[in-house]
Amino acid sequence: MALTFSMASYPVVYSFLVLPISIGRWIGFVQETHGDRQSHVPAGATIAVQLIFCLSGISNVILFFSTRPNLLLFKKDEPEKAYGAPMAVPSDDADSIGGDE
């Protein structure tokens, strides 16, 4: 269940980063279709939205290391898990189960 939420964080973070710039561009396109030759979106808002969008790189790095901590060179020292240890495979040979008959 935790894996599902951590993987769902990728599209959520992407939406928060892209939505403001999309809204700003949409407002500019609507103004252009109504005949305005000059954008009425304030320059400060445009700069703020661009800065939010530029945070996508660091956001991806943070998501990568928080959702996949055991990849690359940042492996945690944990005891060997069950899937890493050799497993005993049952045999069809009757002699190997109970001894010499």
C-alpha atoms as a PDB file:
ATOM      1  CA  MET A   1       0.000   0.000   0.000  1.00  0.00           C
ATOM      2  CA  ALA A   2       2.841   2.411   0.808  1.00  0.00           C
ATOM      3  CA  LEU A   3       4.411   1.654  -2.560  1.00  0.00           C
ATOM      4  CA  THR A   4       1.207   2.709  -4.283  1.00  0.00           C
ATOM      5  CA  PHE A   5       1.172   6.074  -2.527  1.00  0.00           C
ATOM      6  CA  SER A   6       4.851   6.680  -3.200  1.00  0.00           C
ATOM      7  CA  MET A   7       4.445   5.949  -6.909  1.00  0.00           C
ATOM      8  CA  ALA A   8       1.296   8.082  -7.050  1.00  0.00           C
ATOM      9  CA  SER A   9       3.342  11.017  -5.767  1.00  0.00           C
ATOM     10  CA  TYR A  10       5.060  11.376  -9.163  1.00  0.00           C
ATOM     11  CA  PRO A  11       1.964  12.531 -11.097  1.00  0.00           C
ATOM     12  CA  VAL A  12       0.775  14.632  -8.144  1.00  0.00           C
ATOM     13  CA  VAL A  13       4.055  16.552  -7.919  1.00  0.00           C
ATOM     14  CA  TYR A  14       4.166  16.916 -11.707  1.00  0.00           C
ATOM     15  CA  SER A  15       0.642  18.354 -11.693  1.00  0.00           C
ATOM     16  CA  PHE A  16       1.539  20.910  -9.015  1.00  0.00           C
ATOM     17  CA  LEU A  17       4.581  21.997 -11.008  1.00  0.00           C
ATOM     18  CA  VAL A  18       2.912  22.205 -14.414  1.00  0.00           C
ATOM     19  CA  LEU A  19      -0.547  23.479 -13.481  1.00  0.00           C
ATOM     20  CA  PRO A  20       0.482  27.097 -12.671  1.00  0.00           C
ATOM     21  CA  ILE A  21       2.387  27.540 -15.932  1.00  0.00           C
ATOM     22  CA  SER A  22      -0.486  25.995 -17.863  1.00  0.00           C
ATOM     23  CA  ILE A  23      -2.979  28.390 -16.287  1.00  0.00           C
ATOM     24  CA  GLY A  24      -0.759  31.386 -17.055  1.00  0.00           C
ATOM     25  CA  ARG A  25      -0.341  30.390 -20.676  1.00  0.00           C
ATOM     26  CA  TRP A  26      -4.051  29.666 -21.003  1.00  0.00           C
ATOM     27  CA  ILE A  27      -4.870  33.163 -19.730  1.00  0.00           C
ATOM     28  CA  GLY A  28      -2.474  34.636 -22.309  1.00  0.00           C
ATOM     29  CA  PHE A  29      -4.014  32.609 -25.132  1.00  0.00           C
ATOM     30  CA  VAL A  30      -7.539  33.670 -24.152  1.00  0.00           C
ATOM     31  CA  GLN A  31      -6.477  37.322 -24.131  1.00  0.00           C
ATOM     32  CA  GLU A  32      -4.919  36.905 -27.565  1.00  0.00           C
ATOM     33  CA  THR A  33      -8.066  35.381 -29.040  1.00  0.00           C
ATOM     34  CA  HIS A  34     -10.091  38.330 -27.757  1.00  0.00           C
ATOM     35  CA  GLY A  35      -7.934  40.733 -29.748  1.00  0.00           C
ATOM     36  CA  ASP A  36      -5.505  41.906 -27.074  1.00  0.00           C
ATOM     37  CA  ARG A  37      -2.067  42.352 -28.554  1.00  0.00           C
ATOM     38  CA  GLN A  38      -0.470  42.861 -25.157  1.00  0.00           C
ATOM     39  CA  SER A  39      -0.491  40.317 -22.350  1.00  0.00           C
ATOM     40  CA  HIS A  40      -2.119  41.487 -19.140  1.00  0.00           C
ATOM     41  CA  VAL A  41      -0.468  38.787 -17.034  1.00  0.00           C
ATOM     42  CA  PRO A  42       1.874  40.567 -14.591  1.00  0.00           C
ATOM     43  CA  ALA A  43       5.587  39.980 -15.087  1.00  0.00           C
ATOM     44  CA  GLY A  44       5.994  38.961 -11.441  1.00  0.00           C
ATOM     45  CA  ALA A  45       3.413  36.218 -11.856  1.00  0.00           C
ATOM     46  CA  THR A  46       5.148  34.961 -14.983  1.00  0.00           C
ATOM     47  CA  ILE A  47       8.523  34.854 -13.208  1.00  0.00           C
ATOM     48  CA  ALA A  48       7.042  33.087 -10.168  1.00  0.00           C
ATOM     49  CA  VAL A  49       5.360  30.473 -12.343  1.00  0.00           C
ATOM     50  CA  GLN A  50       8.578  29.895 -14.302  1.00  0.00           C
ATOM     51  CA  LEU A  51      10.519  29.444 -11.049  1.00  0.00           C
ATOM     52  CA  ILE A  52       7.987  26.897  -9.820  1.00  0.00           C
ATOM     53  CA  PHE A  53       8.324  25.024 -13.110  1.00  0.00           C
ATOM     54  CA  CYS A  54      12.128  25.101 -12.830  1.00  0.00           C
ATOM     55  CA  LEU A  55      11.851  23.206  -9.535  1.00  0.00           C
ATOM     56  CA  SER A  56      10.864  20.083 -11.458  1.00  0.00           C
ATOM     57  CA  GLY A  57      14.449  18.831 -11.568  1.00  0.00           C
ATOM     58  CA  ILE A  58      15.035  18.957  -7.833  1.00  0.00           C
ATOM     59  CA  SER A  59      11.542  17.579  -7.254  1.00  0.00           C
ATOM     60  CA  ASN A  60      12.343  14.564  -9.415  1.00  0.00           C
ATOM     61  CA  VAL A  61      15.578  13.944  -7.513  1.00  0.00           C
ATOM     62  CA  ILE A  62      13.807  14.159  -4.151  1.00  0.00           C
ATOM     63  CA  LEU A  63      11.059  11.817  -5.339  1.00  0.00           C
ATOM     64  CA  PHE A  64      13.591   9.371  -6.748  1.00  0.00           C
ATOM     65  CA  PHE A  65      15.587   9.104  -3.544  1.00  0.00           C
ATOM     66  CA  SER A  66      12.524   9.013  -1.297  1.00  0.00           C
ATOM     67  CA  THR A  67      10.631   6.355  -3.266  1.00  0.00           C
ATOM     68  CA  ARG A  68      13.612   4.205  -4.265  1.00  0.00           C
ATOM     69  CA  PRO A  69      16.157   4.475  -1.430  1.00  0.00           C
ATOM     70  CA  ASN A  70      17.899   1.173  -2.206  1.00  0.00           C
ATOM     71  CA  LEU A  71      18.907   2.041  -5.767  1.00  0.00           C
ATOM     72  CA  LEU A  72      22.258   3.285  -6.989  1.00  0.00           C
ATOM     73  CA  LEU A  73      24.955   3.958  -4.406  1.00  0.00           C
ATOM     74  CA  PHE A  74      22.656   4.805  -1.517  1.00  0.00           C
ATOM     75  CA  LYS A  75      21.783   1.302  -0.339  1.00  0.00           C
ATOM     76  CA  LYS A  76      20.880   0.896   3.305  1.00  0.00           C
ATOM     77  CA  ASP A  77      22.679  -1.742   5.329  1.00  0.00           C
ATOM     78  CA  GLU A  78      19.870  -4.148   6.035  1.00  0.00           C
ATOM     79  CA  PRO A  79      19.940  -7.833   6.819  1.00  0.00           C
ATOM     80  CA  GLU A  80      19.524 -10.050   3.790  1.00  0.00           C
ATOM     81  CA  LYS A  81      15.888 -10.415   2.853  1.00  0.00           C
ATOM     82  CA  ALA A  82      14.129 -13.698   2.172  1.00  0.00           C
ATOM     83  CA  TYR A  83      14.303 -13.298  -1.601  1.00  0.00           C
ATOM     84  CA  GLY A  84      18.071 -12.767  -1.413  1.00  0.00           C
ATOM     85  CA  ALA A  85      18.799 -15.937   0.565  1.00  0.00           C
ATOM     86  CA  PRO A  86      19.014 -19.311  -1.158  1.00  0.00           C
ATOM     87  CA  MET A  87      15.836 -21.312  -0.835  1.00  0.00           C
ATOM     88  CA  ALA A  88      15.573 -25.035  -0.230  1.00  0.00           C
ATOM     89  CA  VAL A  89      13.942 -26.685  -3.215  1.00  0.00           C
ATOM     90  CA  PRO A  90      11.844 -29.775  -2.473  1.00  0.00           C
ATOM     91  CA  SER A  91      13.028 -32.864  -4.257  1.00  0.00           C
ATOM     92  CA  ASP A  92      11.033 -35.766  -5.675  1.00  0.00           C
ATOM     93  CA  ASP A  93      13.730 -38.222  -4.581  1.00  0.00           C
ATOM     94  CA  ALA A  94      12.495 -40.257  -1.571  1.00  0.00           C
ATOM     95  CA  ASP A  95      16.056 -41.074  -0.477  1.00  0.00           C
ATOM     96  CA  SER A  96      16.892 -37.443   0.148  1.00  0.00           C
ATOM     97  CA  ILE A  97      13.945 -36.901   2.524  1.00  0.00           C
ATOM     98  CA  GLY A  98      14.157 -39.510   5.208  1.00  0.00           C
ATOM     99  CA  GLY A  99      17.533 -41.173   4.895  1.00  0.00           C
ATOM    100  CA  ASP A 100      18.595 -44.622   3.754  1.00  0.00           C
ATOM    101  CA  GLU A 101      15.713 -47.073   3.376  1.00  0.00           C
END
